[in-house]
Amino acid sequence: MYSRIRDLREDRDMNQTQIAKILGMSQTGYSKYETGENDIPTAILIKLARFYDTSIDYLLGETDNPQRYK
């Protein structure tokens, strides 16, 4: 379900530690989001969507359109 956040991170040639730092959390905690072990809290989804300039629906796999609604 959360493979999109991994794909977006890899597309930017970033590692989990770098994204975790942007989100203000540990790499281990962030890793659990990518693997689906932990659900992503709403506040983190918002930060990720803003960082990647995409919609939350896209991050969650509800749409294949990455464009944000403005």
N, C-alpha and C. Protein backbone atom coordinates (compact mmCIF):
# COMPACT_ATOMS: atom_id res chain seq x y z
N MET A 1 0.81 -1.20 0.00
CA MET A 1 0.00 0.00 0.00
C MET A 1 0.85 1.26 0.00
N TYR A 2 1.95 1.23 0.72
CA TYR A 2 2.76 2.44 0.81
C TYR A 2 4.00 2.40 -0.07
N SER A 3 3.96 1.57 -1.10
CA SER A 3 5.13 1.50 -1.99
C SER A 3 5.37 2.82 -2.71
N ARG A 4 4.34 3.63 -2.83
CA ARG A 4 4.51 4.91 -3.52
C ARG A 4 5.46 5.83 -2.78
N ILE A 5 5.44 5.81 -1.46
CA ILE A 5 6.36 6.70 -0.76
C ILE A 5 7.80 6.22 -0.95
N ARG A 6 7.99 4.92 -1.06
CA ARG A 6 9.33 4.40 -1.35
C ARG A 6 9.74 4.81 -2.76
N ASP A 7 8.85 4.64 -3.71
CA ASP A 7 9.16 4.98 -5.11
C ASP A 7 9.48 6.47 -5.25
N LEU A 8 8.69 7.32 -4.61
CA LEU A 8 8.95 8.76 -4.69
C LEU A 8 10.29 9.11 -4.06
N ARG A 9 10.61 8.48 -2.94
CA ARG A 9 11.90 8.72 -2.28
C ARG A 9 13.04 8.30 -3.18
N GLU A 10 12.92 7.10 -3.76
CA GLU A 10 13.98 6.60 -4.63
C GLU A 10 14.11 7.44 -5.90
N ASP A 11 13.00 7.94 -6.42
CA ASP A 11 13.05 8.82 -7.61
C ASP A 11 13.86 10.08 -7.34
N ARG A 12 13.90 10.48 -6.09
CA ARG A 12 14.68 11.67 -5.71
C ARG A 12 16.08 11.31 -5.24
N ASP A 13 16.44 10.05 -5.37
CA ASP A 13 17.76 9.57 -4.94
C ASP A 13 18.04 9.92 -3.48
N MET A 14 17.03 9.71 -2.65
CA MET A 14 17.18 9.96 -1.21
C MET A 14 17.08 8.64 -0.46
N ASN A 15 17.67 8.62 0.73
CA ASN A 15 17.55 7.42 1.55
C ASN A 15 16.54 7.66 2.67
N GLN A 16 16.21 6.61 3.38
CA GLN A 16 15.21 6.71 4.44
C GLN A 16 15.64 7.67 5.54
N THR A 17 16.90 7.70 5.84
CA THR A 17 17.41 8.59 6.88
C THR A 17 17.17 10.05 6.53
N GLN A 18 17.38 10.40 5.27
CA GLN A 18 17.17 11.78 4.84
C GLN A 18 15.70 12.18 4.97
N ILE A 19 14.80 11.31 4.53
CA ILE A 19 13.37 11.61 4.62
C ILE A 19 12.93 11.66 6.08
N ALA A 20 13.42 10.73 6.88
CA ALA A 20 13.08 10.72 8.30
C ALA A 20 13.50 12.02 8.97
N LYS A 21 14.65 12.54 8.61
CA LYS A 21 15.13 13.81 9.18
C LYS A 21 14.19 14.95 8.80
N ILE A 22 13.74 14.98 7.55
CA ILE A 22 12.80 16.01 7.11
C ILE A 22 11.50 15.93 7.91
N LEU A 23 11.09 14.70 8.22
CA LEU A 23 9.84 14.50 8.96
C LEU A 23 10.02 14.62 10.47
N GLY A 24 11.27 14.72 10.92
CA GLY A 24 11.54 14.85 12.35
C GLY A 24 11.33 13.56 13.12
N MET A 25 11.77 12.46 12.52
CA MET A 25 11.57 11.15 13.16
C MET A 25 12.78 10.27 12.89
N SER A 26 12.75 9.06 13.45
CA SER A 26 13.86 8.14 13.25
C SER A 26 13.73 7.41 11.91
N GLN A 27 14.84 6.91 11.42
CA GLN A 27 14.83 6.13 10.19
C GLN A 27 14.02 4.86 10.38
N THR A 28 14.13 4.24 11.54
CA THR A 28 13.39 3.02 11.83
C THR A 28 11.88 3.26 11.77
N GLY A 29 11.45 4.36 12.37
CA GLY A 29 10.03 4.70 12.34
C GLY A 29 9.53 4.94 10.93
N TYR A 30 10.33 5.66 10.15
CA TYR A 30 9.94 5.92 8.76
C TYR A 30 9.91 4.61 7.96
N SER A 31 10.87 3.75 8.18
CA SER A 31 10.94 2.48 7.47
C SER A 31 9.65 1.67 7.65
N LYS A 32 9.09 1.73 8.84
CA LYS A 32 7.86 0.98 9.11
C LYS A 32 6.68 1.51 8.31
N TYR A 33 6.73 2.77 7.90
CA TYR A 33 5.69 3.31 7.01
C TYR A 33 5.84 2.71 5.61
N GLU A 34 7.08 2.66 5.13
CA GLU A 34 7.31 2.13 3.77
C GLU A 34 6.94 0.65 3.66
N THR A 35 7.15 -0.08 4.72
CA THR A 35 6.84 -1.52 4.67
C THR A 35 5.39 -1.82 5.02
N GLY A 36 4.67 -0.80 5.49
CA GLY A 36 3.28 -1.01 5.87
C GLY A 36 3.10 -1.58 7.26
N GLU A 37 4.20 -1.71 7.99
CA GLU A 37 4.13 -2.23 9.36
C GLU A 37 3.34 -1.29 10.26
N ASN A 38 3.50 0.02 10.02
CA ASN A 38 2.74 1.03 10.76
C ASN A 38 1.96 1.89 9.77
N ASP A 39 0.75 2.26 10.16
CA ASP A 39 -0.02 3.21 9.37
C ASP A 39 0.63 4.59 9.47
N ILE A 40 0.50 5.36 8.41
CA ILE A 40 1.07 6.70 8.40
C ILE A 40 0.07 7.68 9.00
N PRO A 41 0.46 8.40 10.05
CA PRO A 41 -0.45 9.39 10.64
C PRO A 41 -0.76 10.51 9.64
N THR A 42 -1.91 11.11 9.81
CA THR A 42 -2.36 12.17 8.90
C THR A 42 -1.33 13.29 8.78
N ALA A 43 -0.76 13.72 9.88
CA ALA A 43 0.21 14.82 9.85
C ALA A 43 1.42 14.46 8.99
N ILE A 44 1.86 13.22 9.04
CA ILE A 44 3.00 12.77 8.23
C ILE A 44 2.60 12.69 6.76
N LEU A 45 1.39 12.20 6.49
CA LEU A 45 0.91 12.16 5.10
C LEU A 45 0.89 13.56 4.49
N ILE A 46 0.45 14.53 5.26
CA ILE A 46 0.42 15.91 4.77
C ILE A 46 1.83 16.39 4.46
N LYS A 47 2.77 16.14 5.37
CA LYS A 47 4.16 16.56 5.14
C LYS A 47 4.74 15.89 3.90
N LEU A 48 4.48 14.59 3.74
CA LEU A 48 5.00 13.87 2.57
C LEU A 48 4.38 14.41 1.28
N ALA A 49 3.09 14.64 1.29
CA ALA A 49 2.42 15.17 0.09
C ALA A 49 2.98 16.54 -0.28
N ARG A 50 3.21 17.37 0.70
CA ARG A 50 3.78 18.70 0.42
C ARG A 50 5.21 18.57 -0.08
N PHE A 51 5.99 17.72 0.56
CA PHE A 51 7.39 17.55 0.16
C PHE A 51 7.50 17.05 -1.28
N TYR A 52 6.69 16.04 -1.62
CA TYR A 52 6.74 15.47 -2.97
C TYR A 52 5.84 16.19 -3.96
N ASP A 53 5.13 17.22 -3.50
CA ASP A 53 4.21 18.00 -4.33
C ASP A 53 3.22 17.09 -5.05
N THR A 54 2.55 16.26 -4.27
CA THR A 54 1.58 15.33 -4.80
C THR A 54 0.37 15.28 -3.86
N SER A 55 -0.64 14.54 -4.25
CA SER A 55 -1.83 14.46 -3.41
C SER A 55 -1.72 13.29 -2.41
N ILE A 56 -2.43 13.41 -1.34
CA ILE A 56 -2.50 12.32 -0.36
C ILE A 56 -3.16 11.10 -1.00
N ASP A 57 -4.16 11.33 -1.84
CA ASP A 57 -4.81 10.22 -2.55
C ASP A 57 -3.80 9.43 -3.36
N TYR A 58 -2.86 10.12 -3.98
CA TYR A 58 -1.82 9.43 -4.76
C TYR A 58 -0.92 8.61 -3.84
N LEU A 59 -0.52 9.20 -2.71
CA LEU A 59 0.34 8.48 -1.77
C LEU A 59 -0.33 7.21 -1.27
N LEU A 60 -1.64 7.27 -1.08
CA LEU A 60 -2.39 6.12 -0.55
C LEU A 60 -2.81 5.13 -1.62
N GLY A 61 -2.53 5.45 -2.88
CA GLY A 61 -2.88 4.53 -3.96
C GLY A 61 -4.34 4.62 -4.39
N GLU A 62 -5.02 5.69 -4.01
CA GLU A 62 -6.42 5.86 -4.38
C GLU A 62 -6.59 6.42 -5.78
N THR A 63 -5.53 6.97 -6.34
CA THR A 63 -5.54 7.50 -7.70
C THR A 63 -4.16 7.29 -8.30
N ASP A 64 -4.12 7.23 -9.62
CA ASP A 64 -2.84 7.15 -10.31
C ASP A 64 -2.38 8.53 -10.78
N ASN A 65 -3.15 9.54 -10.47
CA ASN A 65 -2.81 10.92 -10.85
C ASN A 65 -2.07 11.57 -9.69
N PRO A 66 -0.78 11.84 -9.87
CA PRO A 66 0.00 12.41 -8.76
C PRO A 66 -0.24 13.89 -8.52
N GLN A 67 -0.99 14.55 -9.40
CA GLN A 67 -1.18 15.99 -9.31
C GLN A 67 -1.98 16.38 -8.07
N ARG A 68 -1.51 17.42 -7.39
CA ARG A 68 -2.22 17.93 -6.21
C ARG A 68 -3.43 18.72 -6.64
N TYR A 69 -4.46 18.68 -5.80
CA TYR A 69 -5.65 19.50 -6.03
C TYR A 69 -5.42 20.84 -5.37
N LYS A 70 -5.62 21.89 -6.14
CA LYS A 70 -5.35 23.23 -5.60
C LYS A 70 -6.59 24.06 -5.57
